[in-house]
Amino acid sequence: MDKFVKNCRALLEKITMQYDANWIAFSGGLDSSILGQIKKDQDLNALTIIAKDFIGTDLSYSQIIGKHIGIPLELKYVSINEMLDAIKGTIKILKNFNDIEIRNSIVSYIYLNVLKKKI
């Protein structure tokens, strides 16, 4: 198992080193935590999107993991109106009304719009 884990880490490091992105969408879940750990020494910043009206587990998990691995974490609280606007924007981009695709893409839409304003 150790060899498998080492091989996975080496592969992920090799892949991520090819990209100079210094922001990640960070939920504190498995995927973003692994990426955060691998990229933490490369001037990495993390952004967590939080719904103002429904504080889910992403807030606490992202704060705990961000502190543990030592990456700067920015929180973006979004209102219900911002989420509704994101739904509209997501539908325009996806060109469909598949509720699962829309739901899974809203956070990415908000995340990219936040970063767009930073540049």
N, C-alpha and C. Protein backbone atom coordinates (compact mmCIF):
# COMPACT_ATOMS: atom_id res chain seq x y z
N MET A 1 0.82 -1.20 0.00
CA MET A 1 0.00 0.00 0.00
C MET A 1 0.86 1.26 0.00
N ASP A 2 1.97 1.26 0.75
CA ASP A 2 2.85 2.42 0.80
C ASP A 2 3.38 2.77 -0.59
N LYS A 3 3.73 1.75 -1.36
CA LYS A 3 4.25 1.99 -2.71
C LYS A 3 3.17 2.62 -3.58
N PHE A 4 1.95 2.15 -3.44
CA PHE A 4 0.83 2.70 -4.21
C PHE A 4 0.62 4.17 -3.87
N VAL A 5 0.62 4.49 -2.59
CA VAL A 5 0.44 5.88 -2.14
C VAL A 5 1.58 6.76 -2.65
N LYS A 6 2.80 6.27 -2.55
CA LYS A 6 3.95 7.04 -3.04
C LYS A 6 3.86 7.28 -4.54
N ASN A 7 3.44 6.25 -5.28
CA ASN A 7 3.28 6.40 -6.73
C ASN A 7 2.18 7.40 -7.07
N CYS A 8 1.08 7.35 -6.34
CA CYS A 8 -0.02 8.30 -6.56
C CYS A 8 0.45 9.72 -6.28
N ARG A 9 1.14 9.90 -5.17
CA ARG A 9 1.64 11.24 -4.82
C ARG A 9 2.62 11.75 -5.88
N ALA A 10 3.53 10.89 -6.31
CA ALA A 10 4.51 11.30 -7.32
C ALA A 10 3.81 11.70 -8.62
N LEU A 11 2.80 10.95 -9.01
CA LEU A 11 2.05 11.26 -10.22
C LEU A 11 1.31 12.59 -10.08
N LEU A 12 0.65 12.79 -8.94
CA LEU A 12 -0.07 14.05 -8.71
C LEU A 12 0.89 15.24 -8.67
N GLU A 13 2.04 15.06 -8.05
CA GLU A 13 3.03 16.14 -8.02
C GLU A 13 3.52 16.47 -9.42
N LYS A 14 3.78 15.44 -10.21
CA LYS A 14 4.25 15.65 -11.57
C LYS A 14 3.21 16.42 -12.39
N ILE A 15 1.97 16.01 -12.27
CA ILE A 15 0.90 16.66 -13.03
C ILE A 15 0.70 18.10 -12.58
N THR A 16 0.63 18.33 -11.27
CA THR A 16 0.34 19.67 -10.77
C THR A 16 1.50 20.63 -10.98
N MET A 17 2.72 20.14 -11.07
CA MET A 17 3.87 21.01 -11.30
C MET A 17 3.84 21.62 -12.71
N GLN A 18 3.07 21.02 -13.60
CA GLN A 18 2.97 21.52 -14.96
C GLN A 18 2.14 22.80 -15.05
N TYR A 19 1.42 23.13 -13.98
CA TYR A 19 0.52 24.27 -13.98
C TYR A 19 0.94 25.26 -12.90
N ASP A 20 0.94 26.53 -13.25
CA ASP A 20 1.39 27.53 -12.29
C ASP A 20 0.24 28.25 -11.58
N ALA A 21 -0.93 27.67 -11.59
CA ALA A 21 -2.07 28.27 -10.90
C ALA A 21 -1.76 28.42 -9.42
N ASN A 22 -2.13 29.55 -8.86
CA ASN A 22 -1.86 29.75 -7.44
C ASN A 22 -3.14 29.91 -6.62
N TRP A 23 -4.28 29.55 -7.19
CA TRP A 23 -5.56 29.53 -6.47
C TRP A 23 -6.22 28.17 -6.67
N ILE A 24 -6.85 27.68 -5.61
CA ILE A 24 -7.67 26.47 -5.74
C ILE A 24 -9.02 26.71 -5.08
N ALA A 25 -10.03 26.08 -5.65
CA ALA A 25 -11.34 26.03 -5.01
C ALA A 25 -11.19 25.01 -3.88
N PHE A 26 -11.42 25.45 -2.67
CA PHE A 26 -11.06 24.63 -1.50
C PHE A 26 -12.27 24.37 -0.62
N SER A 27 -12.69 23.10 -0.57
CA SER A 27 -13.83 22.73 0.28
C SER A 27 -13.37 22.09 1.58
N GLY A 28 -12.11 21.68 1.62
CA GLY A 28 -11.64 20.93 2.77
C GLY A 28 -11.94 19.45 2.65
N GLY A 29 -12.49 19.07 1.50
CA GLY A 29 -12.75 17.66 1.23
C GLY A 29 -11.48 16.97 0.74
N LEU A 30 -11.61 15.73 0.38
CA LEU A 30 -10.44 14.93 0.02
C LEU A 30 -9.67 15.51 -1.17
N ASP A 31 -10.36 15.80 -2.27
CA ASP A 31 -9.67 16.26 -3.48
C ASP A 31 -8.91 17.56 -3.26
N SER A 32 -9.61 18.57 -2.74
CA SER A 32 -8.95 19.87 -2.57
C SER A 32 -7.89 19.83 -1.47
N SER A 33 -8.07 18.97 -0.47
CA SER A 33 -7.07 18.85 0.59
C SER A 33 -5.78 18.22 0.07
N ILE A 34 -5.91 17.20 -0.75
CA ILE A 34 -4.73 16.57 -1.35
C ILE A 34 -4.00 17.57 -2.24
N LEU A 35 -4.75 18.27 -3.08
CA LEU A 35 -4.14 19.26 -3.96
C LEU A 35 -3.48 20.38 -3.15
N GLY A 36 -4.16 20.83 -2.10
CA GLY A 36 -3.60 21.86 -1.23
C GLY A 36 -2.29 21.43 -0.59
N GLN A 37 -2.25 20.20 -0.13
CA GLN A 37 -1.03 19.66 0.48
C GLN A 37 0.12 19.61 -0.52
N ILE A 38 -0.18 19.17 -1.73
CA ILE A 38 0.85 19.04 -2.75
C ILE A 38 1.37 20.41 -3.20
N LYS A 39 0.49 21.40 -3.33
CA LYS A 39 0.86 22.71 -3.88
C LYS A 39 1.17 23.77 -2.82
N LYS A 40 1.13 23.42 -1.55
CA LYS A 40 1.23 24.43 -0.48
C LYS A 40 2.52 25.24 -0.51
N ASP A 41 3.59 24.69 -1.02
CA ASP A 41 4.87 25.40 -1.05
C ASP A 41 5.07 26.19 -2.34
N GLN A 42 4.02 26.34 -3.13
CA GLN A 42 4.11 27.04 -4.41
C GLN A 42 3.25 28.29 -4.43
N ASP A 43 3.28 29.05 -3.34
CA ASP A 43 2.53 30.31 -3.26
C ASP A 43 1.03 30.09 -3.52
N LEU A 44 0.49 29.06 -2.90
CA LEU A 44 -0.90 28.67 -3.10
C LEU A 44 -1.84 29.49 -2.22
N ASN A 45 -2.98 29.86 -2.79
CA ASN A 45 -4.08 30.48 -2.06
C ASN A 45 -5.31 29.62 -2.26
N ALA A 46 -6.17 29.60 -1.26
CA ALA A 46 -7.38 28.79 -1.34
C ALA A 46 -8.60 29.67 -1.17
N LEU A 47 -9.65 29.34 -1.89
CA LEU A 47 -10.91 30.08 -1.82
C LEU A 47 -12.04 29.10 -1.55
N THR A 48 -12.82 29.40 -0.52
CA THR A 48 -13.97 28.58 -0.18
C THR A 48 -15.23 29.40 -0.37
N ILE A 49 -16.18 28.85 -1.10
CA ILE A 49 -17.46 29.50 -1.34
C ILE A 49 -18.46 28.99 -0.31
N ILE A 50 -19.09 29.92 0.41
CA ILE A 50 -20.03 29.56 1.48
C ILE A 50 -21.36 30.27 1.24
N ALA A 51 -22.45 29.53 1.32
CA ALA A 51 -23.78 30.14 1.22
C ALA A 51 -24.11 30.83 2.54
N LYS A 52 -24.46 32.12 2.47
CA LYS A 52 -24.77 32.89 3.69
C LYS A 52 -25.92 32.28 4.47
N ASP A 53 -26.92 31.79 3.75
CA ASP A 53 -28.14 31.31 4.40
C ASP A 53 -28.09 29.84 4.81
N PHE A 54 -27.03 29.15 4.40
CA PHE A 54 -26.89 27.74 4.77
C PHE A 54 -25.41 27.43 4.94
N ILE A 55 -24.96 27.51 6.16
CA ILE A 55 -23.55 27.23 6.44
C ILE A 55 -23.37 25.72 6.50
N GLY A 56 -22.80 25.17 5.44
CA GLY A 56 -22.58 23.73 5.38
C GLY A 56 -21.25 23.34 6.01
N THR A 57 -20.84 22.14 5.77
CA THR A 57 -19.61 21.62 6.37
C THR A 57 -18.35 22.19 5.73
N ASP A 58 -18.47 22.75 4.52
CA ASP A 58 -17.28 23.29 3.85
C ASP A 58 -16.58 24.36 4.68
N LEU A 59 -17.34 25.16 5.41
CA LEU A 59 -16.73 26.23 6.20
C LEU A 59 -15.77 25.67 7.23
N SER A 60 -16.26 24.77 8.06
CA SER A 60 -15.40 24.24 9.13
C SER A 60 -14.29 23.35 8.57
N TYR A 61 -14.61 22.50 7.60
CA TYR A 61 -13.58 21.63 7.04
C TYR A 61 -12.48 22.42 6.34
N SER A 62 -12.85 23.42 5.56
CA SER A 62 -11.83 24.19 4.86
C SER A 62 -10.94 24.96 5.83
N GLN A 63 -11.52 25.47 6.91
CA GLN A 63 -10.72 26.18 7.91
C GLN A 63 -9.77 25.24 8.65
N ILE A 64 -10.27 24.09 9.03
CA ILE A 64 -9.44 23.11 9.75
C ILE A 64 -8.28 22.63 8.87
N ILE A 65 -8.61 22.19 7.66
CA ILE A 65 -7.58 21.64 6.77
C ILE A 65 -6.63 22.74 6.30
N GLY A 66 -7.17 23.91 5.97
CA GLY A 66 -6.32 25.03 5.55
C GLY A 66 -5.29 25.38 6.61
N LYS A 67 -5.73 25.44 7.85
CA LYS A 67 -4.81 25.75 8.96
C LYS A 67 -3.79 24.62 9.13
N HIS A 68 -4.27 23.38 9.04
CA HIS A 68 -3.40 22.22 9.23
C HIS A 68 -2.28 22.17 8.20
N ILE A 69 -2.61 22.41 6.93
CA ILE A 69 -1.57 22.32 5.90
C ILE A 69 -0.87 23.66 5.67
N GLY A 70 -1.40 24.71 6.26
CA GLY A 70 -0.72 26.00 6.22
C GLY A 70 -0.87 26.79 4.93
N ILE A 71 -2.09 26.83 4.39
CA ILE A 71 -2.32 27.64 3.19
C ILE A 71 -3.28 28.78 3.53
N PRO A 72 -3.06 29.96 2.92
CA PRO A 72 -3.98 31.07 3.15
C PRO A 72 -5.36 30.74 2.59
N LEU A 73 -6.37 31.01 3.38
CA LEU A 73 -7.74 30.68 2.99
C LEU A 73 -8.58 31.95 2.95
N GLU A 74 -9.25 32.15 1.84
CA GLU A 74 -10.18 33.26 1.70
C GLU A 74 -11.59 32.68 1.64
N LEU A 75 -12.50 33.28 2.40
CA LEU A 75 -13.89 32.84 2.39
C LEU A 75 -14.72 33.83 1.60
N LYS A 76 -15.58 33.32 0.74
CA LYS A 76 -16.50 34.15 -0.03
C LYS A 76 -17.91 33.71 0.34
N TYR A 77 -18.62 34.58 1.04
CA TYR A 77 -20.00 34.30 1.42
C TYR A 77 -20.91 34.82 0.31
N VAL A 78 -21.80 33.96 -0.17
CA VAL A 78 -22.71 34.36 -1.24
C VAL A 78 -24.15 34.31 -0.75
N SER A 79 -24.92 35.29 -1.20
CA SER A 79 -26.34 35.37 -0.84
C SER A 79 -27.17 34.49 -1.76
N ILE A 80 -28.42 34.34 -1.43
CA ILE A 80 -29.33 33.56 -2.27
C ILE A 80 -29.46 34.21 -3.65
N ASN A 81 -29.46 35.54 -3.69
CA ASN A 81 -29.55 36.23 -4.98
C ASN A 81 -28.31 35.98 -5.84
N GLU A 82 -27.14 35.95 -5.22
CA GLU A 82 -25.92 35.63 -5.97
C GLU A 82 -25.97 34.20 -6.49
N MET A 83 -26.53 33.30 -5.70
CA MET A 83 -26.65 31.91 -6.15
C MET A 83 -27.63 31.80 -7.32
N LEU A 84 -28.74 32.54 -7.24
CA LEU A 84 -29.70 32.53 -8.35
C LEU A 84 -29.08 33.10 -9.62
N ASP A 85 -28.30 34.16 -9.48
CA ASP A 85 -27.58 34.70 -10.65
C ASP A 85 -26.59 33.69 -11.20
N ALA A 86 -25.94 32.96 -10.30
CA ALA A 86 -24.99 31.92 -10.73
C ALA A 86 -25.71 30.80 -11.47
N ILE A 87 -26.91 30.48 -11.04
CA ILE A 87 -27.70 29.45 -11.74
C ILE A 87 -27.99 29.92 -13.16
N LYS A 88 -28.42 31.17 -13.30
CA LYS A 88 -28.70 31.72 -14.64
C LYS A 88 -27.45 31.69 -15.51
N GLY A 89 -26.33 32.14 -14.95
CA GLY A 89 -25.09 32.15 -15.71
C GLY A 89 -24.63 30.75 -16.08
N THR A 90 -24.81 29.82 -15.17
CA THR A 90 -24.42 28.43 -15.42
C THR A 90 -25.26 27.82 -16.53
N ILE A 91 -26.56 28.10 -16.51
CA ILE A 91 -27.45 27.59 -17.56
C ILE A 91 -27.03 28.14 -18.92
N LYS A 92 -26.68 29.42 -18.97
CA LYS A 92 -26.24 30.02 -20.24
C LYS A 92 -24.99 29.32 -20.77
N ILE A 93 -24.08 29.00 -19.88
CA ILE A 93 -22.84 28.35 -20.30
C ILE A 93 -23.08 26.90 -20.70
N LEU A 94 -23.81 26.17 -19.86
CA LEU A 94 -24.03 24.74 -20.12
C LEU A 94 -25.03 24.51 -21.25
N LYS A 95 -25.91 25.48 -21.46
CA LYS A 95 -26.96 25.37 -22.48
C LYS A 95 -27.86 24.16 -22.25
N ASN A 96 -28.13 23.90 -20.97
CA ASN A 96 -29.11 22.87 -20.64
C ASN A 96 -29.71 23.14 -19.27
N PHE A 97 -30.72 22.36 -18.94
CA PHE A 97 -31.41 22.53 -17.66
C PHE A 97 -31.26 21.30 -16.77
N ASN A 98 -30.19 20.56 -16.96
CA ASN A 98 -29.95 19.37 -16.15
C ASN A 98 -29.63 19.83 -14.72
N ASP A 99 -30.55 19.53 -13.80
CA ASP A 99 -30.40 20.04 -12.44
C ASP A 99 -29.13 19.57 -11.75
N ILE A 100 -28.69 18.37 -12.04
CA ILE A 100 -27.47 17.85 -11.42
C ILE A 100 -26.25 18.60 -11.95
N GLU A 101 -26.18 18.79 -13.26
CA GLU A 101 -25.06 19.53 -13.84
C GLU A 101 -25.03 20.97 -13.35
N ILE A 102 -26.19 21.58 -13.27
CA ILE A 102 -26.27 22.97 -12.81
C ILE A 102 -25.81 23.06 -11.36
N ARG A 103 -26.34 22.19 -10.52
CA ARG A 103 -25.96 22.20 -9.10
C ARG A 103 -24.46 21.98 -8.92
N ASN A 104 -23.90 21.07 -9.69
CA ASN A 104 -22.48 20.77 -9.57
C ASN A 104 -21.58 21.86 -10.15
N SER A 105 -22.13 22.76 -10.95
CA SER A 105 -21.33 23.78 -11.63
C SER A 105 -21.45 25.17 -11.01
N ILE A 106 -22.41 25.38 -10.14
CA ILE A 106 -22.64 26.72 -9.57
C ILE A 106 -21.42 27.22 -8.80
N VAL A 107 -20.85 26.39 -7.95
CA VAL A 107 -19.71 26.82 -7.15
C VAL A 107 -18.53 27.17 -8.05
N SER A 108 -18.29 26.38 -9.08
CA SER A 108 -17.21 26.68 -10.02
C SER A 108 -17.46 28.01 -10.71
N TYR A 109 -18.70 28.26 -11.09
CA TYR A 109 -19.07 29.53 -11.73
C TYR A 109 -18.77 30.70 -10.79
N ILE A 110 -19.20 30.59 -9.55
CA ILE A 110 -18.96 31.66 -8.57
C ILE A 110 -17.46 31.82 -8.33
N TYR A 111 -16.77 30.72 -8.15
CA TYR A 111 -15.33 30.73 -7.91
C TYR A 111 -14.59 31.46 -9.03
N LEU A 112 -14.89 31.11 -10.27
CA LEU A 112 -14.21 31.73 -11.40
C LEU A 112 -14.54 33.22 -11.51
N ASN A 113 -15.77 33.60 -11.19
CA ASN A 113 -16.13 35.02 -11.21
C ASN A 113 -15.40 35.80 -10.12
N VAL A 114 -15.24 35.20 -8.95
CA VAL A 114 -14.49 35.87 -7.88
C VAL A 114 -13.04 36.08 -8.32
N LEU A 115 -12.43 35.06 -8.89
CA LEU A 115 -11.03 35.18 -9.33
C LEU A 115 -10.89 36.16 -10.49
N LYS A 116 -11.88 36.20 -11.36
CA LYS A 116 -11.86 37.14 -12.49
C LYS A 116 -11.76 38.57 -11.99
N LYS A 117 -12.45 38.88 -10.89
CA LYS A 117 -12.42 40.23 -10.32
C LYS A 117 -11.08 40.54 -9.66
N LYS A 118 -10.35 39.52 -9.26
CA LYS A 118 -9.06 39.71 -8.60
C LYS A 118 -7.95 40.03 -9.61
N ILE A 119 -8.14 39.63 -10.83
CA ILE A 119 -7.09 39.78 -11.85
C ILE A 119 -7.14 41.16 -12.49
